[in-house]
């Protein structure tokens, strides 16, 4: 049994990742900014999960959580999943929203890695999976902060892979496509209401460039990919990106 920490674990994708690892026999630390939401997830898996409050953008919060986990045992797998979204044209993009998205989705994985890395190096093993996005390699209008952060996550992943290789630590990034999470549903509804689009039209506006499969990606499909990269089957894979996007 391995110890696994998932950030943003109370969200749609986070829940699927937690479920997958627990089903495979691991113990999962379910972390989220909202402790009550994290506890709701953890309570489904008595004795196999523990909920912790975590602000990934706050150094003290990250440090405290990592140290708490290490006191219980080695941290084998770190999954940086926390994220959020804001859409606006560049000239209208609020600076505070830019800062928030960078703090959560880029600074967050950096801080989590920074504080987990020494312990993984000492243990001589570790798996770090960062949730980027297809937007980590392409772009969509009105997503300047999101796209910038997700590109940055891939860069951070590659540096982590180089620095971790000598210590049997792998680092990889997963690039999900359009997963029908609450975050994406909100984007679709906003477009439907603001521009009078159907769900299909709204999806086409969000999914850019065109997706070959023309369907949503199931959360479990992304969780399967994350689990694979954390497994022994992927022990020689590091510094890579795995697109789970239906052909974007």
C-alpha atoms as a PDB file:
ATOM      1  CA  UNK A   1       0.000   0.000   0.000  1.00  0.00           C
ATOM      2  CA  UNK A   2       1.295   3.413  -0.974  1.00  0.00           C
ATOM      3  CA  UNK A   3       0.557   6.831   0.483  1.00  0.00           C
ATOM      4  CA  UNK A   4      -0.901   9.189  -2.108  1.00  0.00           C
ATOM      5  CA  UNK A   5      -1.666  12.908  -1.812  1.00  0.00           C
ATOM      6  CA  UNK A   6      -4.155  14.520  -4.195  1.00  0.00           C
ATOM      7  CA  UNK A   7      -4.717  18.281  -4.310  1.00  0.00           C
ATOM      8  CA  UNK A   8      -8.046  19.711  -5.381  1.00  0.00           C
ATOM      9  CA  UNK A   9      -9.419  16.318  -4.419  1.00  0.00           C
ATOM     10  CA  UNK A  10     -12.986  17.465  -3.783  1.00  0.00           C
ATOM     11  CA  UNK A  11     -13.518  18.484  -7.411  1.00  0.00           C
ATOM     12  CA  UNK A  12     -14.867  16.213 -10.129  1.00  0.00           C
ATOM     13  CA  UNK A  13     -11.526  15.020 -11.471  1.00  0.00           C
ATOM     14  CA  UNK A  14     -10.009  14.914  -7.998  1.00  0.00           C
ATOM     15  CA  UNK A  15     -12.751  12.577  -6.774  1.00  0.00           C
ATOM     16  CA  UNK A  16     -12.164  10.221  -9.697  1.00  0.00           C
ATOM     17  CA  UNK A  17      -8.424  10.127  -9.005  1.00  0.00           C
ATOM     18  CA  UNK A  18      -9.008   9.427  -5.309  1.00  0.00           C
ATOM     19  CA  UNK A  19     -11.439   6.619  -6.181  1.00  0.00           C
ATOM     20  CA  UNK A  20      -9.013   4.989  -8.621  1.00  0.00           C
ATOM     21  CA  UNK A  21      -6.062   4.876  -6.231  1.00  0.00           C
ATOM     22  CA  UNK A  22      -8.158   3.590  -3.340  1.00  0.00           C
ATOM     23  CA  UNK A  23      -9.644   0.871  -5.534  1.00  0.00           C
ATOM     24  CA  UNK A  24      -6.094  -0.172  -6.373  1.00  0.00           C
ATOM     25  CA  UNK A  25      -5.255  -0.529  -2.675  1.00  0.00           C
ATOM     26  CA  UNK A  26      -3.552   2.775  -1.851  1.00  0.00           C
ATOM     27  CA  UNK A  27      -4.160   5.172   1.055  1.00  0.00           C
ATOM     28  CA  UNK A  28      -5.096   8.667  -0.111  1.00  0.00           C
ATOM     29  CA  UNK A  29      -4.773  12.043   1.572  1.00  0.00           C
ATOM     30  CA  UNK A  30      -7.742  13.962   0.210  1.00  0.00           C
ATOM     31  CA  UNK A  31      -6.697  17.605   0.275  1.00  0.00           C
ATOM     32  CA  UNK A  32      -8.702  20.652  -0.705  1.00  0.00           C
ATOM     33  CA  UNK A  33      -9.075  24.318   0.156  1.00  0.00           C
ATOM     34  CA  UNK A  34     -12.507  23.461   1.581  1.00  0.00           C
ATOM     35  CA  UNK A  35     -12.032  20.915   4.371  1.00  0.00           C
ATOM     36  CA  UNK A  36     -15.736  20.084   4.571  1.00  0.00           C
ATOM     37  CA  UNK A  37     -15.789  19.090   0.899  1.00  0.00           C
ATOM     38  CA  UNK A  38     -12.634  17.010   1.354  1.00  0.00           C
ATOM     39  CA  UNK A  39     -14.189  15.251   4.339  1.00  0.00           C
ATOM     40  CA  UNK A  40     -17.270  14.391   2.277  1.00  0.00           C
ATOM     41  CA  UNK A  41     -15.022  12.592  -0.215  1.00  0.00           C
ATOM     42  CA  UNK A  42     -12.855  10.862   2.411  1.00  0.00           C
ATOM     43  CA  UNK A  43     -15.854   9.611   4.392  1.00  0.00           C
ATOM     44  CA  UNK A  44     -16.790   7.351   1.486  1.00  0.00           C
ATOM     45  CA  UNK A  45     -13.607   5.362   2.075  1.00  0.00           C
ATOM     46  CA  UNK A  46     -13.397   4.626   5.796  1.00  0.00           C
ATOM     47  CA  UNK A  47      -9.874   3.759   6.856  1.00  0.00           C
ATOM     48  CA  UNK A  48      -8.523   4.266   3.349  1.00  0.00           C
ATOM     49  CA  UNK A  49      -8.480   8.066   3.136  1.00  0.00           C
ATOM     50  CA  UNK A  50      -7.969  11.139   5.285  1.00  0.00           C
ATOM     51  CA  UNK A  51      -9.170  14.666   4.551  1.00  0.00           C
ATOM     52  CA  UNK A  52      -6.858  17.627   5.047  1.00  0.00           C
ATOM     53  CA  UNK A  53      -7.355  21.346   4.497  1.00  0.00           C
ATOM     54  CA  UNK A  54      -4.761  22.688   2.073  1.00  0.00           C
ATOM     55  CA  UNK A  55      -4.154  25.989   0.337  1.00  0.00           C
ATOM     56  CA  UNK A  56      -1.673  25.061  -2.395  1.00  0.00           C
ATOM     57  CA  UNK A  57      -0.799  28.730  -2.975  1.00  0.00           C
ATOM     58  CA  UNK A  58       0.295  29.239   0.647  1.00  0.00           C
ATOM     59  CA  UNK A  59       3.781  28.062   1.576  1.00  0.00           C
ATOM     60  CA  UNK A  60       2.982  27.553   5.268  1.00  0.00           C
ATOM     61  CA  UNK A  61      -0.118  25.503   4.482  1.00  0.00           C
ATOM     62  CA  UNK A  62       1.777  23.305   2.031  1.00  0.00           C
ATOM     63  CA  UNK A  63       4.696  22.804   4.407  1.00  0.00           C
ATOM     64  CA  UNK A  64       2.418  21.863   7.305  1.00  0.00           C
ATOM     65  CA  UNK A  65       0.452  19.322   5.263  1.00  0.00           C
ATOM     66  CA  UNK A  66       3.556  17.669   3.818  1.00  0.00           C
ATOM     67  CA  UNK A  67       5.154  17.402   7.248  1.00  0.00           C
ATOM     68  CA  UNK A  68       1.938  15.962   8.705  1.00  0.00           C
ATOM     69  CA  UNK A  69       1.804  13.309   5.998  1.00  0.00           C
ATOM     70  CA  UNK A  70       5.489  12.409   6.378  1.00  0.00           C
ATOM     71  CA  UNK A  71       5.020  11.908  10.122  1.00  0.00           C
ATOM     72  CA  UNK A  72       2.503   9.185   9.240  1.00  0.00           C
ATOM     73  CA  UNK A  73       4.769   7.507   6.678  1.00  0.00           C
ATOM     74  CA  UNK A  74       6.495   8.006   3.316  1.00  0.00           C
ATOM     75  CA  UNK A  75       4.777  10.007   0.596  1.00  0.00           C
ATOM     76  CA  UNK A  76       4.968   7.788  -2.456  1.00  0.00           C
ATOM     77  CA  UNK A  77       2.753   9.638  -4.932  1.00  0.00           C
ATOM     78  CA  UNK A  78       1.967  13.347  -5.282  1.00  0.00           C
ATOM     79  CA  UNK A  79      -0.781  14.429  -7.669  1.00  0.00           C
ATOM     80  CA  UNK A  80      -1.052  18.169  -8.281  1.00  0.00           C
ATOM     81  CA  UNK A  81      -4.618  18.565  -9.494  1.00  0.00           C
ATOM     82  CA  UNK A  82      -6.006  21.783  -7.954  1.00  0.00           C
ATOM     83  CA  UNK A  83      -7.280  24.228 -10.557  1.00  0.00           C
ATOM     84  CA  UNK A  84      -9.780  26.901 -11.499  1.00  0.00           C
ATOM     85  CA  UNK A  85     -10.776  28.963 -14.527  1.00  0.00           C
ATOM     86  CA  UNK A  86     -11.554  32.512 -15.613  1.00  0.00           C
ATOM     87  CA  UNK A  87     -12.322  33.722 -19.134  1.00  0.00           C
ATOM     88  CA  UNK A  88     -11.790  37.280 -20.396  1.00  0.00           C
ATOM     89  CA  UNK A  89     -10.181  39.061 -23.279  1.00  0.00           C
ATOM     90  CA  UNK A  90      -6.596  40.009 -22.478  1.00  0.00           C
ATOM     91  CA  UNK A  91      -7.392  43.718 -22.254  1.00  0.00           C
ATOM     92  CA  UNK A  92     -10.260  42.967 -19.859  1.00  0.00           C
ATOM     93  CA  UNK A  93      -8.559  40.248 -17.831  1.00  0.00           C
ATOM     94  CA  UNK A  94      -8.519  41.280 -14.126  1.00  0.00           C
ATOM     95  CA  UNK A  95      -5.006  41.282 -12.732  1.00  0.00           C
ATOM     96  CA  UNK A  96      -6.206  39.673  -9.505  1.00  0.00           C
ATOM     97  CA  UNK A  97      -7.686  36.783 -11.486  1.00  0.00           C
ATOM     98  CA  UNK A  98      -4.408  36.360 -13.368  1.00  0.00           C
ATOM     99  CA  UNK A  99      -2.536  36.199 -10.069  1.00  0.00           C
ATOM    100  CA  UNK A 100      -5.030  33.754  -8.544  1.00  0.00           C
ATOM    101  CA  UNK A 101      -4.823  31.297 -11.441  1.00  0.00           C
ATOM    102  CA  UNK A 102      -1.023  31.426 -11.487  1.00  0.00           C
ATOM    103  CA  UNK A 103      -0.874  30.950  -7.717  1.00  0.00           C
ATOM    104  CA  UNK A 104      -3.147  27.896  -7.679  1.00  0.00           C
ATOM    105  CA  UNK A 105      -2.116  26.123 -10.875  1.00  0.00           C
ATOM    106  CA  UNK A 106       1.587  26.962 -11.208  1.00  0.00           C
ATOM    107  CA  UNK A 107       2.905  28.155  -7.868  1.00  0.00           C
ATOM    108  CA  UNK A 108       0.844  25.416  -6.195  1.00  0.00           C
ATOM    109  CA  UNK A 109       2.546  22.475  -7.950  1.00  0.00           C
ATOM    110  CA  UNK A 110       5.903  24.189  -7.398  1.00  0.00           C
ATOM    111  CA  UNK A 111       5.332  24.511  -3.645  1.00  0.00           C
ATOM    112  CA  UNK A 112       3.999  20.972  -3.321  1.00  0.00           C
ATOM    113  CA  UNK A 113       7.049  19.626  -5.159  1.00  0.00           C
ATOM    114  CA  UNK A 114       9.435  21.864  -3.243  1.00  0.00           C
ATOM    115  CA  UNK A 115       8.343  20.482   0.120  1.00  0.00           C
ATOM    116  CA  UNK A 116       7.749  16.877  -0.952  1.00  0.00           C
ATOM    117  CA  UNK A 117      11.008  16.530  -2.906  1.00  0.00           C
ATOM    118  CA  UNK A 118      13.450  16.256   0.033  1.00  0.00           C
ATOM    119  CA  UNK A 119      11.407  13.445   1.580  1.00  0.00           C
ATOM    120  CA  UNK A 120      11.096  11.570  -1.698  1.00  0.00           C
ATOM    121  CA  UNK A 121      14.835  11.927  -2.284  1.00  0.00           C
ATOM    122  CA  UNK A 122      15.565  10.550   1.177  1.00  0.00           C
ATOM    123  CA  UNK A 123      13.227   7.606   0.545  1.00  0.00           C
ATOM    124  CA  UNK A 124      14.762   6.994  -2.875  1.00  0.00           C
ATOM    125  CA  UNK A 125      11.437   6.802  -4.670  1.00  0.00           C
ATOM    126  CA  UNK A 126       8.560   9.029  -5.710  1.00  0.00           C
ATOM    127  CA  UNK A 127       5.954   9.619  -8.373  1.00  0.00           C
ATOM    128  CA  UNK A 128       4.806  13.154  -9.162  1.00  0.00           C
ATOM    129  CA  UNK A 129       1.955  13.664 -11.603  1.00  0.00           C
ATOM    130  CA  UNK A 130       0.970  17.205 -12.503  1.00  0.00           C
ATOM    131  CA  UNK A 131      -2.417  17.820 -14.077  1.00  0.00           C
ATOM    132  CA  UNK A 132      -1.809  20.216 -16.935  1.00  0.00           C
ATOM    133  CA  UNK A 133      -4.277  20.374 -19.844  1.00  0.00           C
ATOM    134  CA  UNK A 134      -4.387  20.225 -23.622  1.00  0.00           C
ATOM    135  CA  UNK A 135      -4.046  23.975 -23.089  1.00  0.00           C
ATOM    136  CA  UNK A 136      -0.535  23.227 -21.886  1.00  0.00           C
ATOM    137  CA  UNK A 137       0.429  22.736 -25.535  1.00  0.00           C
ATOM    138  CA  UNK A 138      -2.121  24.856 -27.385  1.00  0.00           C
ATOM    139  CA  UNK A 139      -4.342  27.865 -26.729  1.00  0.00           C
ATOM    140  CA  UNK A 140      -7.930  29.069 -26.683  1.00  0.00           C
ATOM    141  CA  UNK A 141      -9.048  32.706 -26.797  1.00  0.00           C
ATOM    142  CA  UNK A 142      -9.957  34.367 -23.504  1.00  0.00           C
ATOM    143  CA  UNK A 143      -7.917  31.915 -21.406  1.00  0.00           C
ATOM    144  CA  UNK A 144      -4.640  33.802 -21.081  1.00  0.00           C
ATOM    145  CA  UNK A 145      -4.003  32.959 -17.419  1.00  0.00           C
ATOM    146  CA  UNK A 146      -5.133  29.343 -17.669  1.00  0.00           C
ATOM    147  CA  UNK A 147      -3.100  28.653 -20.811  1.00  0.00           C
ATOM    148  CA  UNK A 148      -0.013  30.351 -19.383  1.00  0.00           C
ATOM    149  CA  UNK A 149      -0.237  28.383 -16.143  1.00  0.00           C
ATOM    150  CA  UNK A 150      -0.790  25.055 -17.875  1.00  0.00           C
ATOM    151  CA  UNK A 151       2.176  25.666 -20.202  1.00  0.00           C
ATOM    152  CA  UNK A 152       4.216  26.459 -17.107  1.00  0.00           C
ATOM    153  CA  UNK A 153       3.185  23.227 -15.417  1.00  0.00           C
ATOM    154  CA  UNK A 154       4.738  21.249 -18.266  1.00  0.00           C
ATOM    155  CA  UNK A 155       7.984  23.200 -17.899  1.00  0.00           C
ATOM    156  CA  UNK A 156       8.003  22.604 -14.146  1.00  0.00           C
ATOM    157  CA  UNK A 157       7.372  18.897 -14.756  1.00  0.00           C
ATOM    158  CA  UNK A 158      10.360  18.577 -17.065  1.00  0.00           C
ATOM    159  CA  UNK A 159      12.720  20.281 -14.602  1.00  0.00           C
ATOM    160  CA  UNK A 160      11.375  18.095 -11.780  1.00  0.00           C
ATOM    161  CA  UNK A 161      12.025  15.001 -13.884  1.00  0.00           C
ATOM    162  CA  UNK A 162      15.643  16.015 -14.465  1.00  0.00           C
ATOM    163  CA  UNK A 163      16.311  16.768 -10.801  1.00  0.00           C
ATOM    164  CA  UNK A 164      14.499  13.686  -9.558  1.00  0.00           C
ATOM    165  CA  UNK A 165      15.923  11.098 -11.926  1.00  0.00           C
ATOM    166  CA  UNK A 166      18.988  10.254  -9.837  1.00  0.00           C
ATOM    167  CA  UNK A 167      16.721   9.577  -6.848  1.00  0.00           C
ATOM    168  CA  UNK A 168      14.219   7.266  -8.580  1.00  0.00           C
ATOM    169  CA  UNK A 169      11.621  10.031  -8.681  1.00  0.00           C
ATOM    170  CA  UNK A 170       9.587  10.388 -11.843  1.00  0.00           C
ATOM    171  CA  UNK A 171       7.580  13.448 -12.848  1.00  0.00           C
ATOM    172  CA  UNK A 172       5.041  13.523 -15.647  1.00  0.00           C
ATOM    173  CA  UNK A 173       2.156  15.716 -16.756  1.00  0.00           C
ATOM    174  CA  UNK A 174      -1.321  14.590 -17.765  1.00  0.00           C
ATOM    175  CA  UNK A 175      -3.135  16.715 -20.330  1.00  0.00           C
ATOM    176  CA  UNK A 176      -6.900  16.167 -20.061  1.00  0.00           C
ATOM    177  CA  UNK A 177      -9.235  17.303 -22.797  1.00  0.00           C
ATOM    178  CA  UNK A 178     -12.864  18.336 -22.197  1.00  0.00           C
ATOM    179  CA  UNK A 179     -13.837  16.518 -19.011  1.00  0.00           C
ATOM    180  CA  UNK A 180     -17.399  17.285 -17.912  1.00  0.00           C
ATOM    181  CA  UNK A 181     -16.468  18.524 -14.459  1.00  0.00           C
ATOM    182  CA  UNK A 182     -18.350  21.253 -12.545  1.00  0.00           C
ATOM    183  CA  UNK A 183     -15.689  23.690 -13.791  1.00  0.00           C
ATOM    184  CA  UNK A 184     -16.403  22.913 -17.452  1.00  0.00           C
ATOM    185  CA  UNK A 185     -20.159  22.761 -16.936  1.00  0.00           C
ATOM    186  CA  UNK A 186     -20.035  26.306 -15.545  1.00  0.00           C
ATOM    187  CA  UNK A 187     -18.128  27.488 -18.625  1.00  0.00           C
ATOM    188  CA  UNK A 188     -20.688  25.868 -20.906  1.00  0.00           C
ATOM    189  CA  UNK A 189     -23.631  27.390 -19.044  1.00  0.00           C
ATOM    190  CA  UNK A 190     -22.022  30.835 -19.072  1.00  0.00           C
ATOM    191  CA  UNK A 191     -21.586  30.655 -22.842  1.00  0.00           C
ATOM    192  CA  UNK A 192     -25.096  29.306 -23.336  1.00  0.00           C
ATOM    193  CA  UNK A 193     -26.578  32.147 -21.292  1.00  0.00           C
ATOM    194  CA  UNK A 194     -24.351  34.962 -22.560  1.00  0.00           C
ATOM    195  CA  UNK A 195     -24.306  34.047 -26.238  1.00  0.00           C
ATOM    196  CA  UNK A 196     -27.411  31.886 -26.638  1.00  0.00           C
ATOM    197  CA  UNK A 197     -25.410  28.830 -27.672  1.00  0.00           C
ATOM    198  CA  UNK A 198     -26.464  25.206 -27.424  1.00  0.00           C
ATOM    199  CA  UNK A 199     -24.293  22.886 -25.326  1.00  0.00           C
ATOM    200  CA  UNK A 200     -22.740  21.450 -28.500  1.00  0.00           C
ATOM    201  CA  UNK A 201     -21.997  24.932 -29.847  1.00  0.00           C
ATOM    202  CA  UNK A 202     -20.587  26.017 -26.490  1.00  0.00           C
ATOM    203  CA  UNK A 203     -18.393  22.915 -26.332  1.00  0.00           C
ATOM    204  CA  UNK A 204     -17.065  23.626 -29.820  1.00  0.00           C
ATOM    205  CA  UNK A 205     -16.158  27.154 -28.690  1.00  0.00           C
ATOM    206  CA  UNK A 206     -14.309  25.845 -25.635  1.00  0.00           C
ATOM    207  CA  UNK A 207     -12.633  22.866 -27.306  1.00  0.00           C
ATOM    208  CA  UNK A 208     -10.104  24.440 -29.633  1.00  0.00           C
ATOM    209  CA  UNK A 209      -8.636  23.088 -31.855  1.00  0.00           C
ATOM    210  CA  UNK A 210     -11.208  20.498 -32.949  1.00  0.00           C
ATOM    211  CA  UNK A 211     -11.340  17.209 -31.077  1.00  0.00           C
ATOM    212  CA  UNK A 212     -11.292  14.058 -33.209  1.00  0.00           C
ATOM    213  CA  UNK A 213     -13.672  12.055 -31.024  1.00  0.00           C
ATOM    214  CA  UNK A 214     -16.180  14.895 -30.572  1.00  0.00           C
ATOM    215  CA  UNK A 215     -17.143  13.808 -27.073  1.00  0.00           C
ATOM    216  CA  UNK A 216     -16.482  14.543 -23.452  1.00  0.00           C
ATOM    217  CA  UNK A 217     -13.668  12.671 -21.730  1.00  0.00           C
ATOM    218  CA  UNK A 218     -14.844  10.722 -18.699  1.00  0.00           C
ATOM    219  CA  UNK A 219     -13.168  11.575 -15.419  1.00  0.00           C
ATOM    220  CA  UNK A 220     -12.348   7.893 -14.915  1.00  0.00           C
ATOM    221  CA  UNK A 221     -10.395   7.868 -18.195  1.00  0.00           C
ATOM    222  CA  UNK A 222      -8.127  10.611 -16.879  1.00  0.00           C
ATOM    223  CA  UNK A 223      -7.811   8.867 -13.503  1.00  0.00           C
ATOM    224  CA  UNK A 224      -6.702   5.684 -15.276  1.00  0.00           C
ATOM    225  CA  UNK A 225      -3.927   7.608 -17.030  1.00  0.00           C
ATOM    226  CA  UNK A 226      -2.805   9.221 -13.796  1.00  0.00           C
ATOM    227  CA  UNK A 227      -2.700   5.843 -12.083  1.00  0.00           C
ATOM    228  CA  UNK A 228      -0.656   4.332 -14.900  1.00  0.00           C
ATOM    229  CA  UNK A 229       2.010   7.037 -14.581  1.00  0.00           C
ATOM    230  CA  UNK A 230       2.170   6.379 -10.830  1.00  0.00           C
ATOM    231  CA  UNK A 231       2.487   2.616 -11.284  1.00  0.00           C
ATOM    232  CA  UNK A 232       5.537   0.387 -11.656  1.00  0.00           C
ATOM    233  CA  UNK A 233       4.556  -0.088 -15.291  1.00  0.00           C
ATOM    234  CA  UNK A 234       5.661   3.501 -15.898  1.00  0.00           C
ATOM    235  CA  UNK A 235       8.908   3.343 -13.910  1.00  0.00           C
ATOM    236  CA  UNK A 236      11.005   4.401 -16.930  1.00  0.00           C
ATOM    237  CA  UNK A 237       8.688   7.211 -18.013  1.00  0.00           C
ATOM    238  CA  UNK A 238       9.621  10.681 -16.782  1.00  0.00           C
ATOM    239  CA  UNK A 239       9.506  14.224 -18.093  1.00  0.00           C
ATOM    240  CA  UNK A 240       6.695  13.272 -20.452  1.00  0.00           C
ATOM    241  CA  UNK A 241       3.199  14.522 -21.224  1.00  0.00           C
ATOM    242  CA  UNK A 242       0.231  12.184 -21.609  1.00  0.00           C
ATOM    243  CA  UNK A 243      -2.680  13.690 -23.525  1.00  0.00           C
ATOM    244  CA  UNK A 244      -6.037  12.197 -22.593  1.00  0.00           C
ATOM    245  CA  UNK A 245      -8.101  14.400 -24.829  1.00  0.00           C
ATOM    246  CA  UNK A 246      -9.883  12.326 -27.458  1.00  0.00           C
ATOM    247  CA  UNK A 247      -7.553  13.459 -30.212  1.00  0.00           C
ATOM    248  CA  UNK A 248      -6.861  17.151 -29.752  1.00  0.00           C
END
